[in-house]
Amino acid sequence: MKVEELVTVSGGEMDDHLKNEFENITRTILSNQTQALGKVEKEIGQVWRQMGIMYGQVSNSIKILERVKSISEGYVNKTSKNLGTMEGTVEGLTDRFVNPERREASLF
């Protein structure tokens, strides 16, 4: 065989071998990427589920806090009103005890 024939024969075999190697490498890369993508999709789904649960919990907490605020405001308003009424009553009692003459005059 001549050198030229050897290069032609072996060159064709080398091309086929390299082609097969690149195909194998490409298949391996695509397989790995597909598996990784599946795992990422699964984890993203779990994150979305957790976010949904947390959103529900935060929404419930907001409702509870709004109710507590409303109840607290009601208590404060009632207490303020009661204190105002008590202040008037105390002033009336103080006037009666401080000015006994007026009290006696009002009795007659």
PDB file of N, CA and C in Angstrom:
ATOM      1  N   MET A   1       0.829  -1.187   0.000  1.00  0.00           N
ATOM      2  CA  MET A   1       0.000   0.000   0.000  1.00  0.00           C
ATOM      3  C   MET A   1       0.864   1.237   0.000  1.00  0.00           C
ATOM      4  N   LYS A   2       0.315   2.185  -0.663  1.00  0.00           N
ATOM      5  CA  LYS A   2       1.009   3.456  -0.709  1.00  0.00           C
ATOM      6  C   LYS A   2       0.559   4.298   0.483  1.00  0.00           C
ATOM      7  N   VAL A   3       1.372   5.278   0.827  1.00  0.00           N
ATOM      8  CA  VAL A   3       1.070   6.168   1.951  1.00  0.00           C
ATOM      9  C   VAL A   3      -0.236   6.897   1.691  1.00  0.00           C
ATOM     10  N   GLU A   4      -0.416   7.274   0.453  1.00  0.00           N
ATOM     11  CA  GLU A   4      -1.637   7.998   0.090  1.00  0.00           C
ATOM     12  C   GLU A   4      -2.868   7.157   0.362  1.00  0.00           C
ATOM     13  N   GLU A   5      -2.823   5.874   0.067  1.00  0.00           N
ATOM     14  CA  GLU A   5      -3.954   4.971   0.306  1.00  0.00           C
ATOM     15  C   GLU A   5      -4.185   4.777   1.807  1.00  0.00           C
ATOM     16  N   LEU A   6      -3.109   4.671   2.566  1.00  0.00           N
ATOM     17  CA  LEU A   6      -3.235   4.517   4.012  1.00  0.00           C
ATOM     18  C   LEU A   6      -3.936   5.727   4.639  1.00  0.00           C
ATOM     19  N   VAL A   7      -3.542   6.908   4.221  1.00  0.00           N
ATOM     20  CA  VAL A   7      -4.150   8.127   4.761  1.00  0.00           C
ATOM     21  C   VAL A   7      -5.624   8.166   4.390  1.00  0.00           C
ATOM     22  N   THR A   8      -5.959   7.810   3.198  1.00  0.00           N
ATOM     23  CA  THR A   8      -7.355   7.824   2.763  1.00  0.00           C
ATOM     24  C   THR A   8      -8.178   6.830   3.554  1.00  0.00           C
ATOM     25  N   VAL A   9      -7.681   5.611   3.730  1.00  0.00           N
ATOM     26  CA  VAL A   9      -8.400   4.573   4.453  1.00  0.00           C
ATOM     27  C   VAL A   9      -8.508   4.931   5.931  1.00  0.00           C
ATOM     28  N   SER A  10      -7.398   5.279   6.547  1.00  0.00           N
ATOM     29  CA  SER A  10      -7.416   5.576   7.976  1.00  0.00           C
ATOM     30  C   SER A  10      -8.134   6.897   8.255  1.00  0.00           C
ATOM     31  N   GLY A  11      -8.060   7.819   7.324  1.00  0.00           N
ATOM     32  CA  GLY A  11      -8.760   9.091   7.499  1.00  0.00           C
ATOM     33  C   GLY A  11     -10.259   8.876   7.557  1.00  0.00           C
ATOM     34  N   GLY A  12     -10.797   8.027   6.758  1.00  0.00           N
ATOM     35  CA  GLY A  12     -12.226   7.731   6.774  1.00  0.00           C
ATOM     36  C   GLY A  12     -12.623   7.059   8.074  1.00  0.00           C
ATOM     37  N   GLU A  13     -11.783   6.134   8.539  1.00  0.00           N
ATOM     38  CA  GLU A  13     -12.066   5.469   9.817  1.00  0.00           C
ATOM     39  C   GLU A  13     -11.991   6.459  10.973  1.00  0.00           C
ATOM     40  N   MET A  14     -11.025   7.381  10.929  1.00  0.00           N
ATOM     41  CA  MET A  14     -10.884   8.390  11.984  1.00  0.00           C
ATOM     42  C   MET A  14     -12.098   9.323  12.000  1.00  0.00           C
ATOM     43  N   ASP A  15     -12.573   9.682  10.811  1.00  0.00           N
ATOM     44  CA  ASP A  15     -13.746  10.554  10.734  1.00  0.00           C
ATOM     45  C   ASP A  15     -14.963   9.871  11.366  1.00  0.00           C
ATOM     46  N   ASP A  16     -15.148   8.591  11.048  1.00  0.00           N
ATOM     47  CA  ASP A  16     -16.275   7.845  11.617  1.00  0.00           C
ATOM     48  C   ASP A  16     -16.141   7.719  13.135  1.00  0.00           C
ATOM     49  N   HIS A  17     -14.919   7.439  13.597  1.00  0.00           N
ATOM     50  CA  HIS A  17     -14.686   7.304  15.030  1.00  0.00           C
ATOM     51  C   HIS A  17     -14.965   8.639  15.754  1.00  0.00           C
ATOM     52  N   LEU A  18     -14.447   9.753  15.225  1.00  0.00           N
ATOM     53  CA  LEU A  18     -14.690  11.063  15.831  1.00  0.00           C
ATOM     54  C   LEU A  18     -16.174  11.412  15.803  1.00  0.00           C
ATOM     55  N   LYS A  19     -16.819  11.084  14.704  1.00  0.00           N
ATOM     56  CA  LYS A  19     -18.254  11.345  14.596  1.00  0.00           C
ATOM     57  C   LYS A  19     -19.012  10.594  15.691  1.00  0.00           C
ATOM     58  N   ASN A  20     -18.692   9.332  15.889  1.00  0.00           N
ATOM     59  CA  ASN A  20     -19.339   8.519  16.927  1.00  0.00           C
ATOM     60  C   ASN A  20     -19.044   9.071  18.322  1.00  0.00           C
ATOM     61  N   GLU A  21     -17.822   9.495  18.570  1.00  0.00           N
ATOM     62  CA  GLU A  21     -17.455  10.054  19.876  1.00  0.00           C
ATOM     63  C   GLU A  21     -18.234  11.342  20.152  1.00  0.00           C
ATOM     64  N   PHE A  22     -18.324  12.214  19.143  1.00  0.00           N
ATOM     65  CA  PHE A  22     -19.079  13.462  19.321  1.00  0.00           C
ATOM     66  C   PHE A  22     -20.568  13.197  19.538  1.00  0.00           C
ATOM     67  N   GLU A  23     -21.086  12.202  18.855  1.00  0.00           N
ATOM     68  CA  GLU A  23     -22.491  11.833  19.058  1.00  0.00           C
ATOM     69  C   GLU A  23     -22.714  11.321  20.484  1.00  0.00           C
ATOM     70  N   ASN A  24     -21.793  10.490  20.966  1.00  0.00           N
ATOM     71  CA  ASN A  24     -21.895   9.981  22.339  1.00  0.00           C
ATOM     72  C   ASN A  24     -21.799  11.122  23.362  1.00  0.00           C
ATOM     73  N   ILE A  25     -20.866  12.017  23.136  1.00  0.00           N
ATOM     74  CA  ILE A  25     -20.708  13.160  24.047  1.00  0.00           C
ATOM     75  C   ILE A  25     -21.973  14.020  24.028  1.00  0.00           C
ATOM     76  N   THR A  26     -22.514  14.277  22.853  1.00  0.00           N
ATOM     77  CA  THR A  26     -23.724  15.085  22.723  1.00  0.00           C
ATOM     78  C   THR A  26     -24.900  14.430  23.427  1.00  0.00           C
ATOM     79  N   ARG A  27     -25.051  13.115  23.243  1.00  0.00           N
ATOM     80  CA  ARG A  27     -26.134  12.388  23.918  1.00  0.00           C
ATOM     81  C   ARG A  27     -25.983  12.466  25.435  1.00  0.00           C
ATOM     82  N   THR A  28     -24.773  12.304  25.923  1.00  0.00           N
ATOM     83  CA  THR A  28     -24.510  12.358  27.364  1.00  0.00           C
ATOM     84  C   THR A  28     -24.844  13.746  27.923  1.00  0.00           C
ATOM     85  N   ILE A  29     -24.401  14.781  27.228  1.00  0.00           N
ATOM     86  CA  ILE A  29     -24.683  16.156  27.681  1.00  0.00           C
ATOM     87  C   ILE A  29     -26.189  16.413  27.699  1.00  0.00           C
ATOM     88  N   LEU A  30     -26.873  16.031  26.633  1.00  0.00           N
ATOM     89  CA  LEU A  30     -28.327  16.252  26.576  1.00  0.00           C
ATOM     90  C   LEU A  30     -29.054  15.463  27.664  1.00  0.00           C
ATOM     91  N   SER A  31     -28.608  14.246  27.918  1.00  0.00           N
ATOM     92  CA  SER A  31     -29.227  13.431  28.967  1.00  0.00           C
ATOM     93  C   SER A  31     -29.035  14.082  30.338  1.00  0.00           C
ATOM     94  N   ASN A  32     -27.817  14.538  30.611  1.00  0.00           N
ATOM     95  CA  ASN A  32     -27.529  15.198  31.889  1.00  0.00           C
ATOM     96  C   ASN A  32     -28.348  16.490  32.039  1.00  0.00           C
ATOM     97  N   GLN A  33     -28.450  17.253  30.965  1.00  0.00           N
ATOM     98  CA  GLN A  33     -29.224  18.493  31.022  1.00  0.00           C
ATOM     99  C   GLN A  33     -30.709  18.200  31.250  1.00  0.00           C
ATOM    100  N   THR A  34     -31.211  17.163  30.617  1.00  0.00           N
ATOM    101  CA  THR A  34     -32.617  16.799  30.789  1.00  0.00           C
ATOM    102  C   THR A  34     -32.886  16.378  32.231  1.00  0.00           C
ATOM    103  N   GLN A  35     -32.003  15.572  32.802  1.00  0.00           N
ATOM    104  CA  GLN A  35     -32.165  15.162  34.197  1.00  0.00           C
ATOM    105  C   GLN A  35     -32.084  16.363  35.144  1.00  0.00           C
ATOM    106  N   ALA A  36     -31.125  17.240  34.895  1.00  0.00           N
ATOM    107  CA  ALA A  36     -30.972  18.425  35.751  1.00  0.00           C
ATOM    108  C   ALA A  36     -32.199  19.328  35.634  1.00  0.00           C
ATOM    109  N   LEU A  37     -32.710  19.482  34.434  1.00  0.00           N
ATOM    110  CA  LEU A  37     -33.896  20.319  34.230  1.00  0.00           C
ATOM    111  C   LEU A  37     -35.097  19.734  34.965  1.00  0.00           C
ATOM    112  N   GLY A  38     -35.231  18.416  34.938  1.00  0.00           N
ATOM    113  CA  GLY A  38     -36.317  17.766  35.670  1.00  0.00           C
ATOM    114  C   GLY A  38     -36.226  18.027  37.164  1.00  0.00           C
ATOM    115  N   LYS A  39     -35.017  17.953  37.705  1.00  0.00           N
ATOM    116  CA  LYS A  39     -34.817  18.223  39.134  1.00  0.00           C
ATOM    117  C   LYS A  39     -35.128  19.681  39.460  1.00  0.00           C
ATOM    118  N   VAL A  40     -34.690  20.591  38.598  1.00  0.00           N
ATOM    119  CA  VAL A  40     -34.946  22.019  38.825  1.00  0.00           C
ATOM    120  C   VAL A  40     -36.450  22.294  38.787  1.00  0.00           C
ATOM    121  N   GLU A  41     -37.147  21.706  37.821  1.00  0.00           N
ATOM    122  CA  GLU A  41     -38.602  21.896  37.727  1.00  0.00           C
ATOM    123  C   GLU A  41     -39.298  21.384  38.985  1.00  0.00           C
ATOM    124  N   LYS A  42     -38.859  20.239  39.486  1.00  0.00           N
ATOM    125  CA  LYS A  42     -39.442  19.677  40.698  1.00  0.00           C
ATOM    126  C   LYS A  42     -39.207  20.605  41.889  1.00  0.00           C
ATOM    127  N   GLU A  43     -37.992  21.112  42.036  1.00  0.00           N
ATOM    128  CA  GLU A  43     -37.669  22.003  43.152  1.00  0.00           C
ATOM    129  C   GLU A  43     -38.424  23.323  43.039  1.00  0.00           C
ATOM    130  N   ILE A  44     -38.569  23.846  41.834  1.00  0.00           N
ATOM    131  CA  ILE A  44     -39.326  25.087  41.648  1.00  0.00           C
ATOM    132  C   ILE A  44     -40.779  24.863  42.035  1.00  0.00           C
ATOM    133  N   GLY A  45     -41.328  23.706  41.679  1.00  0.00           N
ATOM    134  CA  GLY A  45     -42.698  23.385  42.076  1.00  0.00           C
ATOM    135  C   GLY A  45     -42.854  23.355  43.588  1.00  0.00           C
ATOM    136  N   GLN A  46     -41.876  22.780  44.281  1.00  0.00           N
ATOM    137  CA  GLN A  46     -41.923  22.738  45.743  1.00  0.00           C
ATOM    138  C   GLN A  46     -41.837  24.150  46.326  1.00  0.00           C
ATOM    139  N   VAL A  47     -40.998  24.992  45.742  1.00  0.00           N
ATOM    140  CA  VAL A  47     -40.871  26.379  46.216  1.00  0.00           C
ATOM    141  C   VAL A  47     -42.211  27.106  46.041  1.00  0.00           C
ATOM    142  N   TRP A  48     -42.865  26.924  44.897  1.00  0.00           N
ATOM    143  CA  TRP A  48     -44.158  27.582  44.658  1.00  0.00           C
ATOM    144  C   TRP A  48     -45.205  27.092  45.654  1.00  0.00           C
ATOM    145  N   ARG A  49     -45.197  25.814  45.948  1.00  0.00           N
ATOM    146  CA  ARG A  49     -46.141  25.286  46.939  1.00  0.00           C
ATOM    147  C   ARG A  49     -45.900  25.923  48.307  1.00  0.00           C
ATOM    148  N   GLN A  50     -44.634  26.004  48.697  1.00  0.00           N
ATOM    149  CA  GLN A  50     -44.302  26.622  49.988  1.00  0.00           C
ATOM    150  C   GLN A  50     -44.698  28.092  50.018  1.00  0.00           C
ATOM    151  N   MET A  51     -44.493  28.780  48.895  1.00  0.00           N
ATOM    152  CA  MET A  51     -44.885  30.189  48.823  1.00  0.00           C
ATOM    153  C   MET A  51     -46.398  30.327  48.958  1.00  0.00           C
ATOM    154  N   GLY A  52     -47.151  29.417  48.363  1.00  0.00           N
ATOM    155  CA  GLY A  52     -48.602  29.447  48.487  1.00  0.00           C
ATOM    156  C   GLY A  52     -49.043  29.239  49.922  1.00  0.00           C
ATOM    157  N   ILE A  53     -48.407  28.303  50.602  1.00  0.00           N
ATOM    158  CA  ILE A  53     -48.730  28.046  52.010  1.00  0.00           C
ATOM    159  C   ILE A  53     -48.402  29.276  52.849  1.00  0.00           C
ATOM    160  N   MET A  54     -47.235  29.849  52.622  1.00  0.00           N
ATOM    161  CA  MET A  54     -46.832  31.032  53.386  1.00  0.00           C
ATOM    162  C   MET A  54     -47.768  32.205  53.105  1.00  0.00           C
ATOM    163  N   TYR A  55     -48.207  32.358  51.870  1.00  0.00           N
ATOM    164  CA  TYR A  55     -49.132  33.440  51.531  1.00  0.00           C
ATOM    165  C   TYR A  55     -50.433  33.273  52.315  1.00  0.00           C
ATOM    166  N   GLY A  56     -50.914  32.058  52.390  1.00  0.00           N
ATOM    167  CA  GLY A  56     -52.132  31.795  53.151  1.00  0.00           C
ATOM    168  C   GLY A  56     -51.946  32.121  54.623  1.00  0.00           C
ATOM    169  N   GLN A  57     -50.810  31.741  55.183  1.00  0.00           N
ATOM    170  CA  GLN A  57     -50.544  32.015  56.595  1.00  0.00           C
ATOM    171  C   GLN A  57     -50.431  33.516  56.857  1.00  0.00           C
ATOM    172  N   VAL A  58     -49.756  34.226  55.967  1.00  0.00           N
ATOM    173  CA  VAL A  58     -49.614  35.677  56.136  1.00  0.00           C
ATOM    174  C   VAL A  58     -50.979  36.348  56.006  1.00  0.00           C
ATOM    175  N   SER A  59     -51.787  35.903  55.062  1.00  0.00           N
ATOM    176  CA  SER A  59     -53.131  36.473  54.902  1.00  0.00           C
ATOM    177  C   SER A  59     -53.966  36.262  56.159  1.00  0.00           C
ATOM    178  N   ASN A  60     -53.900  35.064  56.733  1.00  0.00           N
ATOM    179  CA  ASN A  60     -54.628  34.796  57.976  1.00  0.00           C
ATOM    180  C   ASN A  60     -54.115  35.670  59.120  1.00  0.00           C
ATOM    181  N   SER A  61     -52.804  35.832  59.195  1.00  0.00           N
ATOM    182  CA  SER A  61     -52.225  36.668  60.251  1.00  0.00           C
ATOM    183  C   SER A  61     -52.688  38.116  60.102  1.00  0.00           C
ATOM    184  N   ILE A  62     -52.762  38.599  58.876  1.00  0.00           N
ATOM    185  CA  ILE A  62     -53.220  39.970  58.644  1.00  0.00           C
ATOM    186  C   ILE A  62     -54.654  40.128  59.119  1.00  0.00           C
ATOM    187  N   LYS A  63     -55.497  39.163  58.795  1.00  0.00           N
ATOM    188  CA  LYS A  63     -56.902  39.233  59.224  1.00  0.00           C
ATOM    189  C   LYS A  63     -57.005  39.236  60.749  1.00  0.00           C
ATOM    190  N   ILE A  64     -56.223  38.389  61.389  1.00  0.00           N
ATOM    191  CA  ILE A  64     -56.250  38.313  62.855  1.00  0.00           C
ATOM    192  C   ILE A  64     -55.773  39.637  63.456  1.00  0.00           C
ATOM    193  N   LEU A  65     -54.688  40.185  62.919  1.00  0.00           N
ATOM    194  CA  LEU A  65     -54.159  41.444  63.443  1.00  0.00           C
ATOM    195  C   LEU A  65     -55.149  42.594  63.237  1.00  0.00           C
ATOM    196  N   GLU A  66     -55.833  42.602  62.108  1.00  0.00           N
ATOM    197  CA  GLU A  66     -56.840  43.643  61.879  1.00  0.00           C
ATOM    198  C   GLU A  66     -57.979  43.514  62.886  1.00  0.00           C
ATOM    199  N   ARG A  67     -58.371  42.294  63.186  1.00  0.00           N
ATOM    200  CA  ARG A  67     -59.440  42.080  64.170  1.00  0.00           C
ATOM    201  C   ARG A  67     -58.980  42.513  65.565  1.00  0.00           C
ATOM    202  N   VAL A  68     -57.762  42.149  65.943  1.00  0.00           N
ATOM    203  CA  VAL A  68     -57.221  42.546  67.247  1.00  0.00           C
ATOM    204  C   VAL A  68     -57.143  44.066  67.332  1.00  0.00           C
ATOM    205  N   LYS A  69     -56.727  44.709  66.259  1.00  0.00           N
ATOM    206  CA  LYS A  69     -56.651  46.171  66.239  1.00  0.00           C
ATOM    207  C   LYS A  69     -58.036  46.774  66.446  1.00  0.00           C
ATOM    208  N   SER A  70     -59.017  46.229  65.742  1.00  0.00           N
ATOM    209  CA  SER A  70     -60.386  46.739  65.867  1.00  0.00           C
ATOM    210  C   SER A  70     -60.910  46.569  67.290  1.00  0.00           C
ATOM    211  N   ILE A  71     -60.691  45.401  67.872  1.00  0.00           N
ATOM    212  CA  ILE A  71     -61.138  45.144  69.245  1.00  0.00           C
ATOM    213  C   ILE A  71     -60.427  46.074  70.223  1.00  0.00           C
ATOM    214  N   SER A  72     -59.114  46.246  70.032  1.00  0.00           N
ATOM    215  CA  SER A  72     -58.336  47.128  70.917  1.00  0.00           C
ATOM    216  C   SER A  72     -58.833  48.565  70.830  1.00  0.00           C
ATOM    217  N   GLU A  73     -59.124  49.015  69.610  1.00  0.00           N
ATOM    218  CA  GLU A  73     -59.640  50.374  69.449  1.00  0.00           C
ATOM    219  C   GLU A  73     -60.987  50.516  70.156  1.00  0.00           C
ATOM    220  N   GLY A  74     -61.815  49.488  70.095  1.00  0.00           N
ATOM    221  CA  GLY A  74     -63.093  49.509  70.798  1.00  0.00           C
ATOM    222  C   GLY A  74     -62.906  49.626  72.298  1.00  0.00           C
ATOM    223  N   TYR A  75     -61.990  48.848  72.847  1.00  0.00           N
ATOM    224  CA  TYR A  75     -61.714  48.914  74.286  1.00  0.00           C
ATOM    225  C   TYR A  75     -61.198  50.297  74.678  1.00  0.00           C
ATOM    226  N   VAL A  76     -60.283  50.838  73.875  1.00  0.00           N
ATOM    227  CA  VAL A  76     -59.718  52.155  74.177  1.00  0.00           C
ATOM    228  C   VAL A  76     -60.825  53.206  74.160  1.00  0.00           C
ATOM    229  N   ASN A  77     -61.685  53.160  73.153  1.00  0.00           N
ATOM    230  CA  ASN A  77     -62.772  54.144  73.069  1.00  0.00           C
ATOM    231  C   ASN A  77     -63.726  54.019  74.258  1.00  0.00           C
ATOM    232  N   LYS A  78     -64.074  52.787  74.624  1.00  0.00           N
ATOM    233  CA  LYS A  78     -64.972  52.583  75.768  1.00  0.00           C
ATOM    234  C   LYS A  78     -64.316  53.048  77.055  1.00  0.00           C
ATOM    235  N   THR A  79     -63.042  52.730  77.233  1.00  0.00           N
ATOM    236  CA  THR A  79     -62.319  53.133  78.439  1.00  0.00           C
ATOM    237  C   THR A  79     -62.245  54.654  78.529  1.00  0.00           C
ATOM    238  N   SER A  80     -61.955  55.300  77.406  1.00  0.00           N
ATOM    239  CA  SER A  80     -61.876  56.758  77.389  1.00  0.00           C
ATOM    240  C   SER A  80     -63.232  57.365  77.747  1.00  0.00           C
ATOM    241  N   LYS A  81     -64.290  56.801  77.201  1.00  0.00           N
ATOM    242  CA  LYS A  81     -65.638  57.302  77.509  1.00  0.00           C
ATOM    243  C   LYS A  81     -65.946  57.100  78.998  1.00  0.00           C
ATOM    244  N   ASN A  82     -65.631  55.913  79.519  1.00  0.00           N
ATOM    245  CA  ASN A  82     -65.871  55.631  80.935  1.00  0.00           C
ATOM    246  C   ASN A  82     -65.063  56.558  81.840  1.00  0.00           C
ATOM    247  N   LEU A  83     -63.827  56.824  81.467  1.00  0.00           N
ATOM    248  CA  LEU A  83     -63.004  57.727  82.269  1.00  0.00           C
ATOM    249  C   LEU A  83     -63.585  59.130  82.251  1.00  0.00           C
ATOM    250  N   GLY A  84     -64.080  59.548  81.124  1.00  0.00           N
ATOM    251  CA  GLY A  84     -64.710  60.863  81.047  1.00  0.00           C
ATOM    252  C   GLY A  84     -65.930  60.938  81.946  1.00  0.00           C
ATOM    253  N   THR A  85     -66.742  59.897  81.953  1.00  0.00           N
ATOM    254  CA  THR A  85     -67.922  59.850  82.819  1.00  0.00           C
ATOM    255  C   THR A  85     -67.508  59.841  84.287  1.00  0.00           C
ATOM    256  N   MET A  86     -66.485  59.056  84.605  1.00  0.00           N
ATOM    257  CA  MET A  86     -66.013  58.985  85.995  1.00  0.00           C
ATOM    258  C   MET A  86     -65.440  60.324  86.436  1.00  0.00           C
ATOM    259  N   GLU A  87     -64.774  61.032  85.534  1.00  0.00           N
ATOM    260  CA  GLU A  87     -64.205  62.335  85.880  1.00  0.00           C
ATOM    261  C   GLU A  87     -65.318  63.309  86.268  1.00  0.00           C
ATOM    262  N   GLY A  88     -66.408  63.301  85.528  1.00  0.00           N
ATOM    263  CA  GLY A  88     -67.547  64.152  85.859  1.00  0.00           C
ATOM    264  C   GLY A  88     -68.143  63.772  87.198  1.00  0.00           C
ATOM    265  N   THR A  89     -68.239  62.489  87.468  1.00  0.00           N
ATOM    266  CA  THR A  89     -68.786  62.023  88.745  1.00  0.00           C
ATOM    267  C   THR A  89     -67.885  62.425  89.899  1.00  0.00           C
ATOM    268  N   VAL A  90     -66.585  62.265  89.743  1.00  0.00           N
ATOM    269  CA  VAL A  90     -65.627  62.614  90.787  1.00  0.00           C
ATOM    270  C   VAL A  90     -65.675  64.119  91.055  1.00  0.00           C
ATOM    271  N   GLU A  91     -65.760  64.913  89.993  1.00  0.00           N
ATOM    272  CA  GLU A  91     -65.850  66.361  90.176  1.00  0.00           C
ATOM    273  C   GLU A  91     -67.106  66.733  90.972  1.00  0.00           C
ATOM    274  N   GLY A  92     -68.208  66.072  90.658  1.00  0.00           N
ATOM    275  CA  GLY A  92     -69.446  66.324  91.398  1.00  0.00           C
ATOM    276  C   GLY A  92     -69.313  65.968  92.860  1.00  0.00           C
ATOM    277  N   LEU A  93     -68.695  64.829  93.141  1.00  0.00           N
ATOM    278  CA  LEU A  93     -68.493  64.415  94.529  1.00  0.00           C
ATOM    279  C   LEU A  93     -67.541  65.362  95.239  1.00  0.00           C
ATOM    280  N   THR A  94     -66.499  65.771  94.557  1.00  0.00           N
ATOM    281  CA  THR A  94     -65.530  66.694  95.151  1.00  0.00           C
ATOM    282  C   THR A  94     -66.217  68.002  95.512  1.00  0.00           C
ATOM    283  N   ASP A  95     -67.049  68.508  94.611  1.00  0.00           N
ATOM    284  CA  ASP A  95     -67.770  69.750  94.900  1.00  0.00           C
ATOM    285  C   ASP A  95     -68.648  69.598  96.136  1.00  0.00           C
ATOM    286  N   ARG A  96     -69.289  68.496  96.324  1.00  0.00           N
ATOM    287  CA  ARG A  96     -70.169  68.270  97.474  1.00  0.00           C
ATOM    288  C   ARG A  96     -69.385  68.256  98.783  1.00  0.00           C
ATOM    289  N   PHE A  97     -68.194  67.608  98.752  1.00  0.00           N
ATOM    290  CA  PHE A  97     -67.413  67.503  99.975  1.00  0.00           C
ATOM    291  C   PHE A  97     -66.645  68.779 100.275  1.00  0.00           C
ATOM    292  N   VAL A  98     -66.211  69.478  99.252  1.00  0.00           N
ATOM    293  CA  VAL A  98     -65.422  70.681  99.456  1.00  0.00           C
ATOM    294  C   VAL A  98     -66.309  71.836  99.920  1.00  0.00           C
ATOM    295  N   ASN A  99     -67.501  71.950  99.403  1.00  0.00           N
ATOM    296  CA  ASN A  99     -68.416  73.046  99.748  1.00  0.00           C
ATOM    297  C   ASN A  99     -69.625  72.506 100.513  1.00  0.00           C
ATOM    298  N   PRO A 100     -69.462  72.181 101.795  1.00  0.00           N
ATOM    299  CA  PRO A 100     -70.598  71.641 102.546  1.00  0.00           C
ATOM    300  C   PRO A 100     -71.711  72.661 102.706  1.00  0.00           C
ATOM    301  N   GLU A 101     -71.366  73.962 102.663  1.00  0.00           N
ATOM    302  CA  GLU A 101     -72.414  74.969 102.794  1.00  0.00           C
ATOM    303  C   GLU A 101     -73.382  74.891 101.623  1.00  0.00           C
ATOM    304  N   ARG A 102     -72.836  74.729 100.457  1.00  0.00           N
ATOM    305  CA  ARG A 102     -73.707  74.619  99.284  1.00  0.00           C
ATOM    306  C   ARG A 102     -74.572  73.383  99.386  1.00  0.00           C
ATOM    307  N   ARG A 103     -73.976  72.328  99.912  1.00  0.00           N
ATOM    308  CA  ARG A 103     -74.730  71.089 100.065  1.00  0.00           C
ATOM    309  C   ARG A 103     -75.875  71.292 101.046  1.00  0.00           C
ATOM    310  N   GLU A 104     -75.571  71.936 102.141  1.00  0.00           N
ATOM    311  CA  GLU A 104     -76.623  72.174 103.140  1.00  0.00           C
ATOM    312  C   GLU A 104     -77.687  73.096 102.564  1.00  0.00           C
ATOM    313  N   ALA A 105     -77.281  74.080 101.812  1.00  0.00           N
ATOM    314  CA  ALA A 105     -78.252  75.014 101.236  1.00  0.00           C
ATOM    315  C   ALA A 105     -79.130  74.298 100.222  1.00  0.00           C
ATOM    316  N   SER A 106     -78.559  73.341  99.523  1.00  0.00           N
ATOM    317  CA  SER A 106     -79.373  72.639  98.526  1.00  0.00           C
ATOM    318  C   SER A 106     -80.378  71.704  99.183  1.00  0.00           C
ATOM    319  N   LEU A 107     -80.083  71.300 100.433  1.00  0.00           N
ATOM    320  CA  LEU A 107     -81.016  70.431 101.129  1.00  0.00           C
ATOM    321  C   LEU A 107     -82.258  71.195 101.589  1.00  0.00           C
ATOM    322  N   PHE A 108     -82.091  72.466 101.868  1.00  0.00           N
ATOM    323  CA  PHE A 108     -83.212  73.279 102.384  1.00  0.00           C
ATOM    324  C   PHE A 108     -83.959  73.936 101.308  1.00  0.00           C
TER     325      PHE A 108
END
